[in-house]
């Protein structure tokens, strides 16, 4: 396993920024902090004001994943569905490649997402005529919850890596 992001790194927490539905009038809140070497993406989603999402995005960093078959995460969830979002220069500003995953509540598990699971989206809408993700061009990662449900959420992440 080659780690791309390891939350045991003491500086990792400062590399993540929250981008919640307040940018579109919603009132959901979420963020990422680190406890005992585990990244914790948590908060509360609200459907008020047409909201319903919370996300975090890591500072840009070139990840040369051209030879990888996909990406893996070691996570413990709460039973809700999440998205891993990857950003490349292939897409317009604000668009991302997303892949969804739904870890079982309370169990640590490894989630492996092959590149063909990622689809290009902008504000929740699929983008047409966009080429498949180019893993060599990935320069930013993010996590999002947008499952059309209100309430508290918590996703624990030990690491992201190359399977």
C-alpha atoms as a PDB file:
ATOM      1  CA  UNK A   1       0.000   0.000   0.000  1.00  0.00           C
ATOM      2  CA  UNK A   2       1.283   3.429  -0.955  1.00  0.00           C
ATOM      3  CA  UNK A   3      -0.249   6.161   1.210  1.00  0.00           C
ATOM      4  CA  UNK A   4      -1.204   9.421  -0.482  1.00  0.00           C
ATOM      5  CA  UNK A   5      -2.761  10.978   2.613  1.00  0.00           C
ATOM      6  CA  UNK A   6      -2.017   9.661   6.094  1.00  0.00           C
ATOM      7  CA  UNK A   7      -3.775  11.367   8.986  1.00  0.00           C
ATOM      8  CA  UNK A   8      -0.978  10.365  11.372  1.00  0.00           C
ATOM      9  CA  UNK A   9       0.957  13.256   9.756  1.00  0.00           C
ATOM     10  CA  UNK A  10       0.674  16.097  12.310  1.00  0.00           C
ATOM     11  CA  UNK A  11       0.251  18.743   9.595  1.00  0.00           C
ATOM     12  CA  UNK A  12      -2.554  17.007   7.710  1.00  0.00           C
ATOM     13  CA  UNK A  13      -5.507  18.672   9.462  1.00  0.00           C
ATOM     14  CA  UNK A  14      -4.402  22.148   8.370  1.00  0.00           C
ATOM     15  CA  UNK A  15      -4.504  21.098   4.688  1.00  0.00           C
ATOM     16  CA  UNK A  16      -8.320  20.681   4.599  1.00  0.00           C
ATOM     17  CA  UNK A  17     -11.000  23.361   4.066  1.00  0.00           C
ATOM     18  CA  UNK A  18     -14.779  23.142   4.510  1.00  0.00           C
ATOM     19  CA  UNK A  19     -17.042  24.050   1.598  1.00  0.00           C
ATOM     20  CA  UNK A  20     -20.633  23.628   2.750  1.00  0.00           C
ATOM     21  CA  UNK A  21     -24.029  24.453   1.249  1.00  0.00           C
ATOM     22  CA  UNK A  22     -23.900  27.942   2.744  1.00  0.00           C
ATOM     23  CA  UNK A  23     -22.281  28.952  -0.550  1.00  0.00           C
ATOM     24  CA  UNK A  24     -25.754  28.340  -2.071  1.00  0.00           C
ATOM     25  CA  UNK A  25     -27.967  29.513   0.821  1.00  0.00           C
ATOM     26  CA  UNK A  26     -28.102  26.287   2.853  1.00  0.00           C
ATOM     27  CA  UNK A  27     -27.294  25.888   6.543  1.00  0.00           C
ATOM     28  CA  UNK A  28     -25.491  22.530   6.670  1.00  0.00           C
ATOM     29  CA  UNK A  29     -22.187  22.503   8.475  1.00  0.00           C
ATOM     30  CA  UNK A  30     -19.243  20.187   8.329  1.00  0.00           C
ATOM     31  CA  UNK A  31     -15.505  20.101   8.614  1.00  0.00           C
ATOM     32  CA  UNK A  32     -12.506  17.886   9.118  1.00  0.00           C
ATOM     33  CA  UNK A  33     -10.300  17.593  12.171  1.00  0.00           C
ATOM     34  CA  UNK A  34      -7.805  14.984  13.311  1.00  0.00           C
ATOM     35  CA  UNK A  35      -7.983  12.955  16.536  1.00  0.00           C
ATOM     36  CA  UNK A  36      -5.353  10.361  17.405  1.00  0.00           C
ATOM     37  CA  UNK A  37      -4.157  10.062  13.804  1.00  0.00           C
ATOM     38  CA  UNK A  38      -7.653   9.694  12.312  1.00  0.00           C
ATOM     39  CA  UNK A  39      -9.256  12.297  10.044  1.00  0.00           C
ATOM     40  CA  UNK A  40     -12.842  12.953  11.112  1.00  0.00           C
ATOM     41  CA  UNK A  41     -15.224  14.483   8.573  1.00  0.00           C
ATOM     42  CA  UNK A  42     -18.277  15.389  10.626  1.00  0.00           C
ATOM     43  CA  UNK A  43     -21.103  17.840  11.064  1.00  0.00           C
ATOM     44  CA  UNK A  44     -24.790  18.076  10.298  1.00  0.00           C
ATOM     45  CA  UNK A  45     -26.682  18.306   7.030  1.00  0.00           C
ATOM     46  CA  UNK A  46     -29.887  20.310   6.726  1.00  0.00           C
ATOM     47  CA  UNK A  47     -32.384  20.357   3.877  1.00  0.00           C
ATOM     48  CA  UNK A  48     -33.508  23.903   4.768  1.00  0.00           C
ATOM     49  CA  UNK A  49     -33.138  26.562   2.078  1.00  0.00           C
ATOM     50  CA  UNK A  50     -32.633  23.852  -0.584  1.00  0.00           C
ATOM     51  CA  UNK A  51     -29.430  22.795   1.151  1.00  0.00           C
ATOM     52  CA  UNK A  52     -28.235  19.354   2.011  1.00  0.00           C
ATOM     53  CA  UNK A  53     -24.499  18.989   1.504  1.00  0.00           C
ATOM     54  CA  UNK A  54     -21.295  19.381   3.433  1.00  0.00           C
ATOM     55  CA  UNK A  55     -17.825  18.904   2.041  1.00  0.00           C
ATOM     56  CA  UNK A  56     -14.141  19.306   2.691  1.00  0.00           C
ATOM     57  CA  UNK A  57     -11.375  19.744   0.165  1.00  0.00           C
ATOM     58  CA  UNK A  58      -7.652  19.270   0.651  1.00  0.00           C
ATOM     59  CA  UNK A  59      -5.120  21.858  -0.497  1.00  0.00           C
ATOM     60  CA  UNK A  60      -3.887  21.112  -4.027  1.00  0.00           C
ATOM     61  CA  UNK A  61      -0.996  18.703  -4.421  1.00  0.00           C
ATOM     62  CA  UNK A  62       0.113  16.883  -7.544  1.00  0.00           C
ATOM     63  CA  UNK A  63      -0.604  13.165  -7.228  1.00  0.00           C
ATOM     64  CA  UNK A  64       0.910  11.249 -10.125  1.00  0.00           C
ATOM     65  CA  UNK A  65      -1.422   8.273 -10.162  1.00  0.00           C
ATOM     66  CA  UNK A  66      -1.030   7.426 -13.847  1.00  0.00           C
ATOM     67  CA  UNK A  67       0.087   3.869 -13.125  1.00  0.00           C
ATOM     68  CA  UNK A  68      -2.525   3.178 -10.414  1.00  0.00           C
ATOM     69  CA  UNK A  69      -5.723   1.204 -11.016  1.00  0.00           C
ATOM     70  CA  UNK A  70      -7.743   3.343  -8.608  1.00  0.00           C
ATOM     71  CA  UNK A  71      -7.717   4.771  -5.119  1.00  0.00           C
ATOM     72  CA  UNK A  72      -8.426   3.225  -1.718  1.00  0.00           C
ATOM     73  CA  UNK A  73      -9.577   4.623   1.626  1.00  0.00           C
ATOM     74  CA  UNK A  74      -9.551   3.065   5.078  1.00  0.00           C
ATOM     75  CA  UNK A  75     -12.736   4.368   6.687  1.00  0.00           C
ATOM     76  CA  UNK A  76     -15.270   3.854   9.451  1.00  0.00           C
ATOM     77  CA  UNK A  77     -18.654   5.318   8.650  1.00  0.00           C
ATOM     78  CA  UNK A  78     -22.066   5.853  10.140  1.00  0.00           C
ATOM     79  CA  UNK A  79     -24.096   4.031   7.483  1.00  0.00           C
ATOM     80  CA  UNK A  80     -24.631   7.142   5.333  1.00  0.00           C
ATOM     81  CA  UNK A  81     -23.403   7.517   1.746  1.00  0.00           C
ATOM     82  CA  UNK A  82     -20.364   9.680   0.973  1.00  0.00           C
ATOM     83  CA  UNK A  83     -18.459  10.762  -2.102  1.00  0.00           C
ATOM     84  CA  UNK A  84     -14.770  10.920  -2.800  1.00  0.00           C
ATOM     85  CA  UNK A  85     -14.176  13.819  -5.170  1.00  0.00           C
ATOM     86  CA  UNK A  86     -11.102  14.185  -7.335  1.00  0.00           C
ATOM     87  CA  UNK A  87     -10.115  17.343  -9.171  1.00  0.00           C
ATOM     88  CA  UNK A  88      -8.014  17.679 -12.306  1.00  0.00           C
ATOM     89  CA  UNK A  89      -7.214  20.362 -14.847  1.00  0.00           C
ATOM     90  CA  UNK A  90      -9.405  18.437 -17.329  1.00  0.00           C
ATOM     91  CA  UNK A  91     -12.566  19.893 -15.830  1.00  0.00           C
ATOM     92  CA  UNK A  92     -14.068  23.380 -15.639  1.00  0.00           C
ATOM     93  CA  UNK A  93     -13.602  25.299 -12.373  1.00  0.00           C
ATOM     94  CA  UNK A  94     -15.803  23.832  -9.636  1.00  0.00           C
ATOM     95  CA  UNK A  95     -16.393  20.512 -11.387  1.00  0.00           C
ATOM     96  CA  UNK A  96     -15.090  17.221 -10.013  1.00  0.00           C
ATOM     97  CA  UNK A  97     -14.953  13.524 -10.650  1.00  0.00           C
ATOM     98  CA  UNK A  98     -17.011  11.746  -7.987  1.00  0.00           C
ATOM     99  CA  UNK A  99     -17.385   8.185  -6.782  1.00  0.00           C
ATOM    100  CA  UNK A 100     -19.856   7.207  -4.078  1.00  0.00           C
ATOM    101  CA  UNK A 101     -19.320   4.765  -1.242  1.00  0.00           C
ATOM    102  CA  UNK A 102     -21.363   3.759   1.797  1.00  0.00           C
ATOM    103  CA  UNK A 103     -19.330   2.152   4.569  1.00  0.00           C
ATOM    104  CA  UNK A 104     -21.121   0.094   7.183  1.00  0.00           C
ATOM    105  CA  UNK A 105     -21.790   1.858  10.456  1.00  0.00           C
ATOM    106  CA  UNK A 106     -19.119   1.436  13.097  1.00  0.00           C
ATOM    107  CA  UNK A 107     -16.815  -0.922  11.172  1.00  0.00           C
ATOM    108  CA  UNK A 108     -13.384  -0.109   9.812  1.00  0.00           C
ATOM    109  CA  UNK A 109     -13.184  -1.125   6.187  1.00  0.00           C
ATOM    110  CA  UNK A 110     -11.084  -0.591   3.113  1.00  0.00           C
ATOM    111  CA  UNK A 111     -12.992   0.943   0.210  1.00  0.00           C
ATOM    112  CA  UNK A 112     -11.389   0.563  -3.207  1.00  0.00           C
ATOM    113  CA  UNK A 113     -12.616   2.799  -6.026  1.00  0.00           C
ATOM    114  CA  UNK A 114     -11.385   1.971  -9.547  1.00  0.00           C
ATOM    115  CA  UNK A 115     -11.083   4.883 -11.954  1.00  0.00           C
ATOM    116  CA  UNK A 116     -14.118   3.756 -13.978  1.00  0.00           C
ATOM    117  CA  UNK A 117     -16.324   4.424 -10.891  1.00  0.00           C
ATOM    118  CA  UNK A 118     -15.660   8.174 -11.163  1.00  0.00           C
ATOM    119  CA  UNK A 119     -18.028  10.412 -13.126  1.00  0.00           C
ATOM    120  CA  UNK A 120     -17.671  14.101 -13.943  1.00  0.00           C
ATOM    121  CA  UNK A 121     -20.152  16.385 -12.142  1.00  0.00           C
ATOM    122  CA  UNK A 122     -20.820  20.056 -11.556  1.00  0.00           C
ATOM    123  CA  UNK A 123     -23.189  21.058  -8.735  1.00  0.00           C
ATOM    124  CA  UNK A 124     -24.664  17.568  -8.657  1.00  0.00           C
ATOM    125  CA  UNK A 125     -25.293  17.303 -12.387  1.00  0.00           C
ATOM    126  CA  UNK A 126     -23.475  14.889 -14.661  1.00  0.00           C
ATOM    127  CA  UNK A 127     -21.336  16.579 -17.284  1.00  0.00           C
ATOM    128  CA  UNK A 128     -21.689  15.339 -20.854  1.00  0.00           C
ATOM    129  CA  UNK A 129     -18.850  14.877 -23.316  1.00  0.00           C
ATOM    130  CA  UNK A 130     -16.142  14.830 -20.646  1.00  0.00           C
ATOM    131  CA  UNK A 131     -13.320  12.307 -21.015  1.00  0.00           C
ATOM    132  CA  UNK A 132     -12.742   9.708 -18.291  1.00  0.00           C
ATOM    133  CA  UNK A 133     -10.548  10.797 -15.419  1.00  0.00           C
ATOM    134  CA  UNK A 134      -6.831  11.042 -16.162  1.00  0.00           C
ATOM    135  CA  UNK A 135      -5.239   9.733 -12.937  1.00  0.00           C
ATOM    136  CA  UNK A 136      -1.925  11.395 -13.799  1.00  0.00           C
ATOM    137  CA  UNK A 137      -3.629  14.806 -13.574  1.00  0.00           C
ATOM    138  CA  UNK A 138      -5.273  14.495 -10.136  1.00  0.00           C
ATOM    139  CA  UNK A 139      -4.211  17.480  -8.066  1.00  0.00           C
ATOM    140  CA  UNK A 140      -6.842  17.730  -5.339  1.00  0.00           C
ATOM    141  CA  UNK A 141      -9.106  15.454  -3.294  1.00  0.00           C
ATOM    142  CA  UNK A 142     -12.251  16.056  -1.308  1.00  0.00           C
ATOM    143  CA  UNK A 143     -14.996  14.348   0.664  1.00  0.00           C
ATOM    144  CA  UNK A 144     -18.688  15.173   0.429  1.00  0.00           C
ATOM    145  CA  UNK A 145     -21.953  14.066   1.948  1.00  0.00           C
ATOM    146  CA  UNK A 146     -24.993  14.807  -0.202  1.00  0.00           C
ATOM    147  CA  UNK A 147     -27.435  11.966   0.473  1.00  0.00           C
ATOM    148  CA  UNK A 148     -30.653  14.028   0.645  1.00  0.00           C
ATOM    149  CA  UNK A 149     -31.005  13.310   4.374  1.00  0.00           C
ATOM    150  CA  UNK A 150     -30.862  15.722   7.279  1.00  0.00           C
ATOM    151  CA  UNK A 151     -28.933  14.951  10.433  1.00  0.00           C
ATOM    152  CA  UNK A 152     -25.557  14.399  12.011  1.00  0.00           C
ATOM    153  CA  UNK A 153     -22.818  12.604  10.095  1.00  0.00           C
ATOM    154  CA  UNK A 154     -19.373  11.242  10.904  1.00  0.00           C
ATOM    155  CA  UNK A 155     -16.873   9.588   8.608  1.00  0.00           C
ATOM    156  CA  UNK A 156     -13.518   8.557  10.059  1.00  0.00           C
ATOM    157  CA  UNK A 157     -10.625   8.228   7.610  1.00  0.00           C
ATOM    158  CA  UNK A 158      -7.281   6.674   8.497  1.00  0.00           C
ATOM    159  CA  UNK A 159      -5.677   7.083   5.075  1.00  0.00           C
ATOM    160  CA  UNK A 160      -6.099   7.371   1.309  1.00  0.00           C
ATOM    161  CA  UNK A 161      -3.777   5.396  -0.865  1.00  0.00           C
ATOM    162  CA  UNK A 162      -3.080   3.410  -3.998  1.00  0.00           C
ATOM    163  CA  UNK A 163      -4.417  -0.156  -3.830  1.00  0.00           C
END
